[in-house]
Each structure stands twice: as C-alpha cells, then as structure tokens.
Amino acid sequence: MAGTMHIRSEVVSDPVPCELCQGDGGEILFQHSKLRVVLADDALYPGLCRVVWQAHAREMTDLAPTDRALFMAVVWQVEQAMRTVLQPQKINLASLGNLTPHLHWHVIARNAGDAHFPQPIWGVQQRMPDPATLATTKSLLPQLRESLARGRMTL
C-alpha cells in the first residue's frame, strides 16, 4: 500500500560476537531494564558517556516507537547532565555502530582545546589536550556520576 511505512520491531542477531552484548561498555551509571548509561574509560575524553540499548538491535527503527522515545529521552538527560556538570563548549551526539553494530549513542563533551577539535573524536588527533583541563574535567566526574544516578533520571 502506498504511503505505508513498515517498521521492524524484532531484535536482530549478528553472526559476530557483540562487545556490548557481552560486556557493559564502561562503568554503569544508570541501569534500566531496556537500556544503560555507561561512563567510557577514555583518557582524552573524561566524561564521555554511552547510552546502550540492552537487547541487541542495530538501528533505531528496529525499536518500537515507544522504545525509541524512551531511548532518546535518556540521551537528552545525559546531555543535560553533562552540560550542567562539565560545562563544555559543545556536546556531540553520535550513533554510528560501524565497528560495533549494537544500538548505542555516544554523548561527548567537546571544547576547543580537546584532542580532535574541530574534527570528530574518531578523526585525526589535532593536539595533545591541556593536562590541567583534563584534570579539571576528571575532578567533575563524581558530580556527573551523582547526576546520572538512578534516583535522578526521569523516565
């Protein structure tokens, strides 16, 4: 039928083992039955978070509309927490999955002096970031953890 959109709602399985199915993907800051928020261990980008869908799915359209809304609501809450606590110049949101085809969003605090700015963090490194700036950001991670703790997330 013309004009009808069919959305897949089943979970897709991959023949290759998935690192986000087999592991957490970072330090768990928030856990929900359908998703988790993790703090990645990234020396150049302290505070980099991922919002990871629990079940293996490859694309946003693999999820039901209500699940997509839930997923994005959490991404936006992580973004807001990072803006409030880390006060970056910019937040980058990315859902690539080319190397890890498991649905997840990267939420990345960016500043003009970071290692890759103005390039994406997966691009060519432009400089070594200022150690004092990295230390300051790392000192804010306990506040970010608290901000993203279960009791503070609104679903």
C-alpha atoms as a PDB file:
ATOM      1  CA  MET A   1       0.000   0.000   0.000  1.00  0.00           C
ATOM      2  CA  ALA A   2       1.420   3.402  -0.985  1.00  0.00           C
ATOM      3  CA  GLY A   3       2.332   5.644   1.914  1.00  0.00           C
ATOM      4  CA  THR A   4       2.541   2.811   4.450  1.00  0.00           C
ATOM      5  CA  MET A   5       5.715   2.514   6.448  1.00  0.00           C
ATOM      6  CA  HIS A   6       6.689  -0.849   7.874  1.00  0.00           C
ATOM      7  CA  ILE A   7       8.916  -0.744  10.932  1.00  0.00           C
ATOM      8  CA  ARG A   8      10.761  -3.815  12.105  1.00  0.00           C
ATOM      9  CA  SER A   9      10.313  -4.476  15.783  1.00  0.00           C
ATOM     10  CA  GLU A  10      12.192  -7.740  16.176  1.00  0.00           C
ATOM     11  CA  VAL A  11      15.658  -7.950  17.672  1.00  0.00           C
ATOM     12  CA  VAL A  12      18.341  -8.645  15.084  1.00  0.00           C
ATOM     13  CA  SER A  13      21.098 -11.177  15.735  1.00  0.00           C
ATOM     14  CA  ASP A  14      24.599 -10.838  14.317  1.00  0.00           C
ATOM     15  CA  PRO A  15      26.930 -13.719  13.460  1.00  0.00           C
ATOM     16  CA  VAL A  16      29.883 -11.885  15.097  1.00  0.00           C
ATOM     17  CA  PRO A  17      30.092 -11.696  18.915  1.00  0.00           C
ATOM     18  CA  CYS A  18      28.954  -8.284  20.133  1.00  0.00           C
ATOM     19  CA  GLU A  19      31.067  -6.482  22.740  1.00  0.00           C
ATOM     20  CA  LEU A  20      28.032  -4.546  24.037  1.00  0.00           C
ATOM     21  CA  CYS A  21      26.051  -7.773  24.482  1.00  0.00           C
ATOM     22  CA  GLN A  22      28.965  -9.490  26.190  1.00  0.00           C
ATOM     23  CA  GLY A  23      30.111  -6.556  28.341  1.00  0.00           C
ATOM     24  CA  ASP A  24      28.831  -3.335  29.860  1.00  0.00           C
ATOM     25  CA  GLY A  25      30.807  -0.970  27.624  1.00  0.00           C
ATOM     26  CA  GLY A  26      32.024   1.101  30.571  1.00  0.00           C
ATOM     27  CA  GLU A  27      31.205   1.917  34.170  1.00  0.00           C
ATOM     28  CA  ILE A  28      27.440   1.616  34.629  1.00  0.00           C
ATOM     29  CA  LEU A  29      25.999   4.896  35.891  1.00  0.00           C
ATOM     30  CA  PHE A  30      22.339   4.079  35.307  1.00  0.00           C
ATOM     31  CA  GLN A  31      20.634   0.760  34.662  1.00  0.00           C
ATOM     32  CA  HIS A  32      17.121   0.211  33.306  1.00  0.00           C
ATOM     33  CA  SER A  33      15.555  -2.978  32.000  1.00  0.00           C
ATOM     34  CA  LYS A  34      15.775  -1.630  28.432  1.00  0.00           C
ATOM     35  CA  LEU A  35      18.953   0.466  28.466  1.00  0.00           C
ATOM     36  CA  ARG A  36      22.002   1.519  30.423  1.00  0.00           C
ATOM     37  CA  VAL A  37      24.161   4.622  30.691  1.00  0.00           C
ATOM     38  CA  VAL A  38      27.882   3.984  30.960  1.00  0.00           C
ATOM     39  CA  LEU A  39      30.912   6.168  31.528  1.00  0.00           C
ATOM     40  CA  ALA A  40      33.568   5.211  28.989  1.00  0.00           C
ATOM     41  CA  ASP A  41      37.185   4.895  30.072  1.00  0.00           C
ATOM     42  CA  ASP A  42      38.662   7.421  27.640  1.00  0.00           C
ATOM     43  CA  ALA A  43      41.809   9.264  28.720  1.00  0.00           C
ATOM     44  CA  LEU A  44      41.339  12.050  26.160  1.00  0.00           C
ATOM     45  CA  TYR A  45      37.608  12.488  26.829  1.00  0.00           C
ATOM     46  CA  PRO A  46      36.822  12.076  30.522  1.00  0.00           C
ATOM     47  CA  GLY A  47      33.073  12.131  30.956  1.00  0.00           C
ATOM     48  CA  LEU A  48      32.315  10.505  27.597  1.00  0.00           C
ATOM     49  CA  CYS A  49      29.095   8.569  28.109  1.00  0.00           C
ATOM     50  CA  ARG A  50      27.289   5.947  26.091  1.00  0.00           C
ATOM     51  CA  VAL A  51      23.608   5.156  26.233  1.00  0.00           C
ATOM     52  CA  VAL A  52      23.355   1.477  25.288  1.00  0.00           C
ATOM     53  CA  TRP A  53      20.203  -0.452  24.383  1.00  0.00           C
ATOM     54  CA  GLN A  54      20.190  -3.692  26.418  1.00  0.00           C
ATOM     55  CA  ALA A  55      18.898  -6.040  23.707  1.00  0.00           C
ATOM     56  CA  HIS A  56      20.929  -6.444  20.550  1.00  0.00           C
ATOM     57  CA  ALA A  57      19.474  -4.158  17.906  1.00  0.00           C
ATOM     58  CA  ARG A  58      21.293  -2.489  15.029  1.00  0.00           C
ATOM     59  CA  GLU A  59      19.152   0.529  14.128  1.00  0.00           C
ATOM     60  CA  MET A  60      16.729   2.930  15.817  1.00  0.00           C
ATOM     61  CA  THR A  61      13.963   1.690  13.534  1.00  0.00           C
ATOM     62  CA  ASP A  62      14.442  -1.813  14.960  1.00  0.00           C
ATOM     63  CA  LEU A  63      12.811  -0.434  18.121  1.00  0.00           C
ATOM     64  CA  ALA A  64       9.129   0.208  18.718  1.00  0.00           C
ATOM     65  CA  PRO A  65       8.227   3.926  18.699  1.00  0.00           C
ATOM     66  CA  THR A  66       7.775   3.981  22.486  1.00  0.00           C
ATOM     67  CA  ASP A  67      11.212   2.420  22.957  1.00  0.00           C
ATOM     68  CA  ARG A  68      12.785   4.969  20.596  1.00  0.00           C
ATOM     69  CA  ALA A  69      11.185   7.755  22.636  1.00  0.00           C
ATOM     70  CA  LEU A  70      12.499   6.257  25.883  1.00  0.00           C
ATOM     71  CA  PHE A  71      15.981   5.847  24.404  1.00  0.00           C
ATOM     72  CA  MET A  72      16.170   9.438  23.180  1.00  0.00           C
ATOM     73  CA  ALA A  73      14.725  10.816  26.435  1.00  0.00           C
ATOM     74  CA  VAL A  74      17.646   9.220  28.269  1.00  0.00           C
ATOM     75  CA  VAL A  75      20.168  10.519  25.680  1.00  0.00           C
ATOM     76  CA  TRP A  76      18.817  14.035  26.250  1.00  0.00           C
ATOM     77  CA  GLN A  77      19.016  13.651  30.037  1.00  0.00           C
ATOM     78  CA  VAL A  78      22.638  12.542  29.768  1.00  0.00           C
ATOM     79  CA  GLU A  79      23.347  15.514  27.507  1.00  0.00           C
ATOM     80  CA  GLN A  80      21.740  17.894  30.011  1.00  0.00           C
ATOM     81  CA  ALA A  81      23.659  16.398  32.939  1.00  0.00           C
ATOM     82  CA  MET A  82      26.930  16.756  31.017  1.00  0.00           C
ATOM     83  CA  ARG A  83      26.131  20.352  30.077  1.00  0.00           C
ATOM     84  CA  THR A  84      25.294  21.208  33.672  1.00  0.00           C
ATOM     85  CA  VAL A  85      28.242  19.461  35.317  1.00  0.00           C
ATOM     86  CA  LEU A  86      31.046  19.636  32.747  1.00  0.00           C
ATOM     87  CA  GLN A  87      30.007  22.912  31.057  1.00  0.00           C
ATOM     88  CA  PRO A  88      31.557  22.102  27.663  1.00  0.00           C
ATOM     89  CA  GLN A  89      31.502  24.425  24.679  1.00  0.00           C
ATOM     90  CA  LYS A  90      29.575  21.800  22.705  1.00  0.00           C
ATOM     91  CA  ILE A  91      28.019  18.357  23.098  1.00  0.00           C
ATOM     92  CA  ASN A  92      28.350  15.868  20.257  1.00  0.00           C
ATOM     93  CA  LEU A  93      25.779  13.090  19.908  1.00  0.00           C
ATOM     94  CA  ALA A  94      26.736  10.174  17.694  1.00  0.00           C
ATOM     95  CA  SER A  95      25.176   6.852  16.821  1.00  0.00           C
ATOM     96  CA  LEU A  96      27.494   5.182  14.347  1.00  0.00           C
ATOM     97  CA  GLY A  97      27.833   1.491  15.114  1.00  0.00           C
ATOM     98  CA  ASN A  98      30.028   0.741  12.116  1.00  0.00           C
ATOM     99  CA  LEU A  99      32.514  -1.218  14.231  1.00  0.00           C
ATOM    100  CA  THR A 100      30.055  -2.176  16.974  1.00  0.00           C
ATOM    101  CA  PRO A 101      26.671  -2.749  15.303  1.00  0.00           C
ATOM    102  CA  HIS A 102      24.743  -2.669  18.582  1.00  0.00           C
ATOM    103  CA  LEU A 103      22.451   0.292  19.107  1.00  0.00           C
ATOM    104  CA  HIS A 104      24.154   2.899  21.306  1.00  0.00           C
ATOM    105  CA  TRP A 105      24.603   6.649  21.450  1.00  0.00           C
ATOM    106  CA  HIS A 106      27.826   8.450  22.326  1.00  0.00           C
ATOM    107  CA  VAL A 107      27.377  11.660  24.321  1.00  0.00           C
ATOM    108  CA  ILE A 108      30.627  13.616  24.144  1.00  0.00           C
ATOM    109  CA  ALA A 109      31.597  16.881  25.835  1.00  0.00           C
ATOM    110  CA  ARG A 110      33.719  18.974  23.460  1.00  0.00           C
ATOM    111  CA  ASN A 111      35.941  22.000  23.917  1.00  0.00           C
ATOM    112  CA  ALA A 112      38.144  23.956  21.503  1.00  0.00           C
ATOM    113  CA  GLY A 113      41.312  22.611  23.146  1.00  0.00           C
ATOM    114  CA  ASP A 114      40.362  18.934  23.096  1.00  0.00           C
ATOM    115  CA  ALA A 115      42.463  16.395  21.228  1.00  0.00           C
ATOM    116  CA  HIS A 116      40.451  16.371  17.991  1.00  0.00           C
ATOM    117  CA  PHE A 117      38.565  19.684  17.866  1.00  0.00           C
ATOM    118  CA  PRO A 118      37.081  20.688  15.444  1.00  0.00           C
ATOM    119  CA  GLN A 119      37.201  17.154  13.984  1.00  0.00           C
ATOM    120  CA  PRO A 120      35.081  14.267  15.288  1.00  0.00           C
ATOM    121  CA  ILE A 121      36.799  12.360  18.083  1.00  0.00           C
ATOM    122  CA  TRP A 122      37.305   9.456  15.671  1.00  0.00           C
ATOM    123  CA  GLY A 123      39.217  11.698  13.247  1.00  0.00           C
ATOM    124  CA  VAL A 124      42.874  12.689  13.158  1.00  0.00           C
ATOM    125  CA  GLN A 125      44.123  13.944  16.512  1.00  0.00           C
ATOM    126  CA  GLN A 126      44.892  17.667  16.267  1.00  0.00           C
ATOM    127  CA  ARG A 127      46.819  18.204  19.522  1.00  0.00           C
ATOM    128  CA  MET A 128      47.509  16.900  22.976  1.00  0.00           C
ATOM    129  CA  PRO A 129      44.892  18.350  25.317  1.00  0.00           C
ATOM    130  CA  ASP A 130      45.992  20.519  28.222  1.00  0.00           C
ATOM    131  CA  PRO A 131      46.685  18.250  31.237  1.00  0.00           C
ATOM    132  CA  ALA A 132      45.182  20.821  33.643  1.00  0.00           C
ATOM    133  CA  THR A 133      41.937  20.907  31.643  1.00  0.00           C
ATOM    134  CA  LEU A 134      41.750  17.095  31.644  1.00  0.00           C
ATOM    135  CA  ALA A 135      42.377  17.057  35.414  1.00  0.00           C
ATOM    136  CA  THR A 136      39.618  19.609  35.988  1.00  0.00           C
ATOM    137  CA  THR A 137      37.169  17.564  33.936  1.00  0.00           C
ATOM    138  CA  LYS A 138      38.149  14.370  35.774  1.00  0.00           C
ATOM    139  CA  SER A 139      37.548  16.143  39.096  1.00  0.00           C
ATOM    140  CA  LEU A 140      33.923  16.725  37.997  1.00  0.00           C
ATOM    141  CA  LEU A 141      33.195  13.050  37.279  1.00  0.00           C
ATOM    142  CA  PRO A 142      31.832  12.313  40.796  1.00  0.00           C
ATOM    143  CA  GLN A 143      29.230  15.054  40.218  1.00  0.00           C
ATOM    144  CA  LEU A 144      28.377  13.595  36.818  1.00  0.00           C
ATOM    145  CA  ARG A 145      28.005  10.123  38.343  1.00  0.00           C
ATOM    146  CA  GLU A 146      25.669  11.527  41.015  1.00  0.00           C
ATOM    147  CA  SER A 147      23.663  13.451  38.438  1.00  0.00           C
ATOM    148  CA  LEU A 148      23.092  10.289  36.403  1.00  0.00           C
ATOM    149  CA  ALA A 149      22.386   8.004  39.350  1.00  0.00           C
ATOM    150  CA  ARG A 150      19.127   6.037  39.273  1.00  0.00           C
ATOM    151  CA  GLY A 151      17.222   8.364  41.574  1.00  0.00           C
ATOM    152  CA  ARG A 152      17.890  11.381  39.373  1.00  0.00           C
ATOM    153  CA  MET A 153      16.889  10.008  35.965  1.00  0.00           C
ATOM    154  CA  THR A 154      13.309  10.690  34.890  1.00  0.00           C
ATOM    155  CA  LEU A 155      11.683   8.057  32.679  1.00  0.00           C
END
